[in-house]
Amino acid sequence: MHSIGSPGLWAVFLGLVVVMLAIDLLTLKQKGNHRPSMREALGWSAVWVSIALLFNLGLWVYLDDTVGRAAANETALAFFTGYLIEKALAVDNIFVFLMIFSYFSVPAQYQRRVLLYGVLSAIVLRAVMILVGGALIERFSWILYVFGAFLLYTGVKMWFASDSEQDLGNNKLLRWLKGHIKFTDDYHGEKFFVVKQGVRYATPLLLVLVMIEISDVIFAVDSIPAIFAVTTDPFVVITSNIFAILGLRAMYFLLADVADRFHLLKYGLALVLAFIGCKMLLAQYWHMPVAWSLVVIAVLIGGSIALSLWQTRKQQVN
């Protein structure tokens, strides 16, 4: 499959990710168990977004100099569109994280480690799924229509399920784990396992981690086909996805206390998935330019956020 990703570009991307993760881990270790403040979460969110945008700018400059302005513009737009899609879907993922932490009554100071493992596993998972998806598309081009139908179905399902509440108590995997593993009743710091009187017990934090990992898998299944509607270049798909995921932990603490103010975002995301699904299904008859797709996606996401804030403010006034 054709890709603009040269060995040099891959090295720059991987080096940047490793450095930023190392800085993030070092900061986490130095500050210990604590809930990040709104200011700290906002600062880290701004850092992650800025790095992604600077990387995209650098990519544009490199491609403009090597392959021409048209290819540079198209690639930069594809990167930003994929990044926006993944970032928006990550907000929906945060809603699920909030539900999981609330159900298990996880103390705020213990949430950071679980989120860190969730982000790291999500990076590996998405990289593998993107490479597999790219290989399938290269060999079976018709699979794009399968992705399109799946996204359309997911969008419709998300629309009608937006107001329904999930009951984790009925989760089959959760019930199986509780029936086959010995768990403590209380948390023991950030430990996943403890030993009591020579017997090894798992803590409730392990259950939380398992549920977070499962949610990562579910959201990856939605987000990966969505970005393939924008571009099939593995380098653009992987980089835009990974950069969006890297800021997930900071964004969680930024939105944790105000998530209820974005209650209409799920409807916007449902429309985005349905739109992308239709775009993939109609690709044989009409190719929508990436710039148009970016505008539609931005309007749907921005509109749902604006309506959420307006409705919340109106309710507070009344």
Protein backbone atom coordinates (compact mmCIF):
# COMPACT_ATOMS: atom_id res chain seq x y z
CA MET A 1 0.00 0.00 0.00
CA HIS A 2 1.38 3.40 -1.01
CA SER A 3 2.43 5.58 1.89
CA ILE A 4 4.23 8.89 2.36
CA GLY A 5 5.84 7.43 5.48
CA SER A 6 9.57 7.24 4.80
CA PRO A 7 11.93 5.65 7.35
CA GLY A 8 12.95 9.16 8.41
CA LEU A 9 9.35 10.24 9.05
CA TRP A 10 8.63 7.09 11.04
CA ALA A 11 11.77 7.68 13.12
CA VAL A 12 10.74 11.27 13.89
CA PHE A 13 7.22 10.20 14.85
CA LEU A 14 8.31 7.28 17.05
CA GLY A 15 11.04 9.35 18.69
CA LEU A 16 8.58 12.13 19.49
CA VAL A 17 6.08 9.69 21.01
CA VAL A 18 8.73 7.98 23.14
CA VAL A 19 10.09 11.30 24.43
CA MET A 20 6.64 12.65 25.31
CA LEU A 21 5.59 9.43 27.03
CA ALA A 22 8.83 9.44 29.02
CA ILE A 23 8.21 13.02 30.13
CA ASP A 24 4.61 12.16 31.05
CA LEU A 25 5.69 9.07 33.03
CA LEU A 26 8.42 11.01 34.82
CA THR A 27 5.94 13.72 35.77
CA LEU A 28 3.50 11.08 37.02
CA LYS A 29 6.20 9.42 39.13
CA GLN A 30 7.39 12.70 40.65
CA LYS A 31 3.92 13.88 41.64
CA GLY A 32 2.77 10.51 42.98
CA ASN A 33 -0.85 9.67 43.70
CA HIS A 34 -2.95 12.77 43.22
CA ARG A 35 -5.81 14.01 41.11
CA PRO A 36 -4.55 16.48 38.50
CA SER A 37 -6.01 19.96 38.89
CA MET A 38 -8.05 21.57 36.14
CA ARG A 39 -5.11 23.85 35.39
CA GLU A 40 -2.69 20.90 35.12
CA ALA A 41 -5.07 18.92 32.89
CA LEU A 42 -5.64 21.98 30.68
CA GLY A 43 -1.89 22.52 30.39
CA TRP A 44 -1.17 18.94 29.38
CA SER A 45 -4.11 18.92 26.95
CA ALA A 46 -2.75 22.06 25.31
CA VAL A 47 0.70 20.44 25.08
CA TRP A 48 -0.61 17.28 23.39
CA VAL A 49 -2.76 19.21 20.91
CA SER A 50 0.09 21.61 20.11
CA ILE A 51 2.49 18.74 19.45
CA ALA A 52 0.02 17.09 17.09
CA LEU A 53 -0.54 20.34 15.17
CA LEU A 54 3.20 21.08 15.01
CA PHE A 55 3.84 17.56 13.72
CA ASN A 56 1.20 18.10 11.04
CA LEU A 57 2.79 21.44 10.12
CA GLY A 58 6.21 19.83 9.92
CA LEU A 59 4.77 17.05 7.76
CA TRP A 60 3.24 19.65 5.42
CA VAL A 61 6.53 21.55 5.12
CA TYR A 62 8.42 18.33 4.37
CA LEU A 63 5.93 17.14 1.75
CA ASP A 64 5.66 20.60 0.19
CA ASP A 65 9.41 20.54 -0.34
CA THR A 66 9.64 16.93 -1.56
CA VAL A 67 6.44 16.00 -3.44
CA GLY A 68 4.64 19.28 -4.05
CA ARG A 69 2.03 21.62 -2.59
CA ALA A 70 -1.03 19.64 -3.70
CA ALA A 71 0.10 16.41 -2.02
CA ALA A 72 1.17 18.32 1.09
CA ASN A 73 -2.23 20.01 1.40
CA GLU A 74 -4.13 16.76 0.90
CA THR A 75 -2.03 14.86 3.45
CA ALA A 76 -2.22 17.62 6.06
CA LEU A 77 -6.00 17.81 5.68
CA ALA A 78 -6.30 14.03 5.97
CA PHE A 79 -4.17 14.04 9.12
CA PHE A 80 -6.19 16.80 10.75
CA THR A 81 -9.52 15.21 9.79
CA GLY A 82 -8.44 11.84 11.21
CA TYR A 83 -7.14 13.54 14.34
CA LEU A 84 -10.44 15.41 14.81
CA ILE A 85 -12.49 12.22 14.36
CA GLU A 86 -10.40 10.28 16.87
CA LYS A 87 -10.36 13.19 19.33
CA ALA A 88 -14.14 13.46 19.20
CA LEU A 89 -14.64 9.73 19.65
CA ALA A 90 -12.18 9.88 22.56
CA VAL A 91 -14.61 12.20 24.36
CA ASP A 92 -17.26 9.50 24.10
CA ASN A 93 -14.70 7.07 25.47
CA ILE A 94 -14.20 9.42 28.42
CA PHE A 95 -17.91 9.20 29.22
CA VAL A 96 -17.50 5.44 29.51
CA PHE A 97 -14.41 5.85 31.70
CA LEU A 98 -16.42 8.10 34.01
CA MET A 99 -19.16 5.50 34.24
CA ILE A 100 -16.62 2.76 35.09
CA PHE A 101 -14.82 4.81 37.74
CA SER A 102 -18.12 5.86 39.25
CA TYR A 103 -19.49 2.31 39.35
CA PHE A 104 -16.39 1.01 41.14
CA SER A 105 -16.05 4.16 43.30
CA VAL A 106 -12.40 4.55 42.33
CA PRO A 107 -10.68 7.30 44.36
CA ALA A 108 -9.54 10.11 42.07
CA GLN A 109 -5.88 9.71 43.05
CA TYR A 110 -5.86 6.09 41.83
CA GLN A 111 -7.35 6.79 38.41
CA ARG A 112 -4.20 8.09 36.75
CA ARG A 113 -2.37 4.75 36.71
CA VAL A 114 -5.34 2.91 35.21
CA LEU A 115 -5.70 5.58 32.54
CA LEU A 116 -1.97 5.38 31.78
CA TYR A 117 -2.18 1.63 31.16
CA GLY A 118 -5.31 2.24 29.10
CA VAL A 119 -3.51 4.77 26.89
CA LEU A 120 -0.45 2.56 26.41
CA SER A 121 -2.51 -0.48 25.47
CA ALA A 122 -4.69 1.65 23.17
CA ILE A 123 -1.57 2.78 21.28
CA VAL A 124 -0.44 -0.81 20.69
CA LEU A 125 -3.95 -2.02 19.89
CA ARG A 126 -4.65 0.70 17.34
CA ALA A 127 -1.29 0.27 15.63
CA VAL A 128 -1.94 -3.45 15.18
CA MET A 129 -5.54 -2.95 14.03
CA ILE A 130 -4.55 -0.23 11.55
CA LEU A 131 -1.83 -2.38 10.00
CA VAL A 132 -4.20 -5.35 9.75
CA GLY A 133 -6.98 -3.15 8.36
CA GLY A 134 -4.63 -1.61 5.82
CA ALA A 135 -3.47 -5.05 4.67
CA LEU A 136 -7.08 -6.20 4.29
CA ILE A 137 -8.03 -3.11 2.27
CA GLU A 138 -5.02 -3.57 -0.01
CA ARG A 139 -5.98 -7.18 -0.70
CA PHE A 140 -9.76 -6.89 -0.57
CA SER A 141 -10.81 -3.39 -1.64
CA TRP A 142 -14.48 -4.27 -1.16
CA ILE A 143 -13.95 -4.42 2.60
CA LEU A 144 -14.27 -0.61 2.64
CA TYR A 145 -17.98 -1.12 1.95
CA VAL A 146 -18.18 -3.48 4.91
CA PHE A 147 -16.56 -0.78 7.05
CA GLY A 148 -19.05 1.75 5.69
CA ALA A 149 -22.06 -0.41 6.49
CA PHE A 150 -20.68 -1.09 9.97
CA LEU A 151 -20.17 2.62 10.68
CA LEU A 152 -23.66 3.47 9.43
CA TYR A 153 -25.13 0.79 11.70
CA THR A 154 -23.00 1.98 14.63
CA GLY A 155 -24.08 5.58 14.10
CA VAL A 156 -27.78 4.67 14.06
CA LYS A 157 -27.35 2.44 17.11
CA MET A 158 -25.46 5.17 18.99
CA TRP A 159 -28.21 7.71 18.20
CA PHE A 160 -30.98 5.60 19.67
CA ALA A 161 -28.89 4.37 22.60
CA SER A 162 -27.65 7.83 23.63
CA ASP A 163 -30.21 8.23 26.42
CA SER A 164 -29.97 4.68 27.75
CA GLU A 165 -27.77 3.88 30.74
CA GLN A 166 -25.52 0.84 30.81
CA ASP A 167 -25.60 -1.46 33.80
CA LEU A 168 -22.13 -2.82 34.49
CA GLY A 169 -23.60 -5.17 37.09
CA ASN A 170 -24.96 -7.30 34.25
CA ASN A 171 -21.66 -7.45 32.36
CA LYS A 172 -20.92 -11.15 31.76
CA LEU A 173 -17.13 -10.80 31.80
CA LEU A 174 -17.26 -8.83 35.03
CA ARG A 175 -19.42 -11.48 36.69
CA TRP A 176 -17.11 -14.25 35.41
CA LEU A 177 -14.03 -12.53 36.82
CA LYS A 178 -15.68 -12.07 40.20
CA GLY A 179 -16.61 -15.74 40.23
CA HIS A 180 -13.14 -17.06 39.34
CA ILE A 181 -10.71 -14.64 41.01
CA LYS A 182 -10.42 -13.72 44.67
CA PHE A 183 -10.84 -9.98 45.14
CA THR A 184 -10.35 -7.73 48.15
CA ASP A 185 -13.23 -5.52 49.21
CA ASP A 186 -11.11 -2.38 49.45
CA TYR A 187 -8.50 -0.62 47.34
CA HIS A 188 -4.83 -0.90 48.30
CA GLY A 189 -3.35 2.20 46.74
CA GLU A 190 -2.59 1.67 43.06
CA LYS A 191 -1.88 -2.03 43.49
CA PHE A 192 -3.65 -4.57 41.30
CA PHE A 193 -2.69 -7.51 43.54
CA VAL A 194 -1.97 -7.93 47.25
CA VAL A 195 -0.96 -10.91 49.39
CA LYS A 196 -2.89 -11.61 52.60
CA GLN A 197 -1.83 -14.48 54.88
CA GLY A 198 0.04 -16.10 52.02
CA VAL A 199 -2.93 -15.86 49.61
CA ARG A 200 -2.77 -13.65 46.51
CA TYR A 201 -5.81 -11.42 46.00
CA ALA A 202 -6.70 -9.07 43.19
CA THR A 203 -7.93 -5.61 44.12
CA PRO A 204 -11.00 -3.91 42.61
CA LEU A 205 -8.57 -1.77 40.60
CA LEU A 206 -7.83 -4.82 38.44
CA LEU A 207 -11.50 -5.06 37.51
CA VAL A 208 -11.45 -1.38 36.60
CA LEU A 209 -8.40 -1.91 34.39
CA VAL A 210 -10.07 -4.83 32.60
CA MET A 211 -13.18 -2.77 31.89
CA ILE A 212 -11.07 0.15 30.64
CA GLU A 213 -9.17 -2.18 28.29
CA ILE A 214 -12.42 -3.62 26.95
CA SER A 215 -13.76 -0.13 26.26
CA ASP A 216 -10.52 0.61 24.37
CA VAL A 217 -11.14 -2.38 22.12
CA ILE A 218 -14.74 -1.37 21.46
CA PHE A 219 -13.87 2.21 20.57
CA ALA A 220 -10.96 1.11 18.38
CA VAL A 221 -13.39 -0.98 16.34
CA ASP A 222 -15.40 2.21 15.68
CA SER A 223 -12.58 4.68 15.14
CA ILE A 224 -10.27 2.66 12.87
CA PRO A 225 -12.80 2.13 10.03
CA ALA A 226 -13.81 5.79 10.36
CA ILE A 227 -10.37 7.14 9.52
CA PHE A 228 -9.97 4.72 6.61
CA ALA A 229 -12.80 6.70 5.01
CA VAL A 230 -10.48 9.72 5.02
CA THR A 231 -7.24 8.06 3.89
CA THR A 232 -5.76 4.59 3.56
CA ASP A 233 -2.18 5.76 4.02
CA PRO A 234 -0.93 3.77 7.07
CA PHE A 235 1.41 6.57 8.17
CA VAL A 236 -1.33 9.21 8.25
CA VAL A 237 -3.83 6.85 9.87
CA ILE A 238 -1.45 5.70 12.62
CA THR A 239 0.06 9.10 13.41
CA SER A 240 -3.27 10.95 13.61
CA ASN A 241 -4.77 8.20 15.79
CA ILE A 242 -1.82 7.93 18.15
CA PHE A 243 -1.50 11.68 18.64
CA ALA A 244 -5.20 11.88 19.52
CA ILE A 245 -4.88 9.02 22.02
CA LEU A 246 -1.80 10.46 23.71
CA GLY A 247 -3.84 13.28 25.18
CA LEU A 248 -6.65 11.04 26.39
CA ARG A 249 -5.58 10.95 30.04
CA ALA A 250 -5.21 14.72 30.32
CA MET A 251 -8.50 15.24 28.52
CA TYR A 252 -10.23 12.88 30.96
CA PHE A 253 -9.29 14.99 33.97
CA LEU A 254 -10.14 18.14 32.03
CA LEU A 255 -13.68 16.96 31.28
CA ALA A 256 -14.36 14.76 34.32
CA ASP A 257 -16.22 17.42 36.25
CA VAL A 258 -18.05 18.99 33.29
CA ALA A 259 -18.90 15.94 31.16
CA ASP A 260 -22.62 16.38 31.83
CA ARG A 261 -22.48 19.71 30.00
CA PHE A 262 -21.72 17.87 26.73
CA HIS A 263 -24.75 15.57 26.86
CA LEU A 264 -25.66 16.14 23.18
CA LEU A 265 -22.21 15.24 21.88
CA LYS A 266 -23.20 11.58 21.54
CA TYR A 267 -25.80 12.61 18.96
CA GLY A 268 -23.18 14.58 17.05
CA LEU A 269 -20.81 11.60 17.09
CA ALA A 270 -23.63 9.32 15.93
CA LEU A 271 -24.22 11.62 12.95
CA VAL A 272 -20.46 11.71 12.22
CA LEU A 273 -20.24 7.90 12.13
CA ALA A 274 -23.37 7.67 9.97
CA PHE A 275 -22.01 10.34 7.62
CA ILE A 276 -18.65 8.57 7.27
CA GLY A 277 -20.43 5.26 6.71
CA CYS A 278 -22.55 6.75 3.91
CA LYS A 279 -19.46 8.39 2.43
CA MET A 280 -17.71 5.01 2.23
CA LEU A 281 -20.74 3.28 0.75
CA LEU A 282 -21.09 5.95 -1.95
CA ALA A 283 -17.37 6.22 -2.72
CA GLN A 284 -17.76 4.29 -5.99
CA TYR A 285 -20.27 6.84 -7.30
CA TRP A 286 -18.98 10.08 -5.77
CA HIS A 287 -15.72 10.97 -4.07
CA MET A 288 -16.13 13.71 -1.48
CA PRO A 289 -13.01 15.87 -1.12
CA VAL A 290 -11.27 15.61 2.24
CA ALA A 291 -11.79 19.33 2.85
CA TRP A 292 -15.57 18.91 2.54
CA SER A 293 -15.51 15.95 4.91
CA LEU A 294 -13.55 18.01 7.42
CA VAL A 295 -16.12 20.81 7.27
CA VAL A 296 -19.08 18.44 7.74
CA ILE A 297 -17.42 16.63 10.66
CA ALA A 298 -16.37 19.90 12.31
CA VAL A 299 -19.90 21.32 11.97
CA LEU A 300 -21.53 18.19 13.43
CA ILE A 301 -19.16 17.98 16.38
CA GLY A 302 -18.97 21.72 17.00
CA GLY A 303 -22.74 22.08 16.63
CA SER A 304 -23.50 19.33 19.13
CA ILE A 305 -21.06 20.86 21.65
CA ALA A 306 -22.50 24.35 21.17
CA LEU A 307 -26.08 23.09 21.56
CA SER A 308 -25.08 21.15 24.68
CA LEU A 309 -23.56 24.22 26.30
CA TRP A 310 -26.49 26.44 25.25
CA GLN A 311 -29.08 24.01 26.59
CA THR A 312 -27.17 23.51 29.86
CA ARG A 313 -26.83 27.26 30.38
CA LYS A 314 -30.49 27.77 29.59
CA GLN A 315 -31.48 25.16 32.18
CA GLN A 316 -29.23 26.81 34.79
CA VAL A 317 -30.83 30.19 34.13
CA ASN A 318 -34.33 28.78 34.47
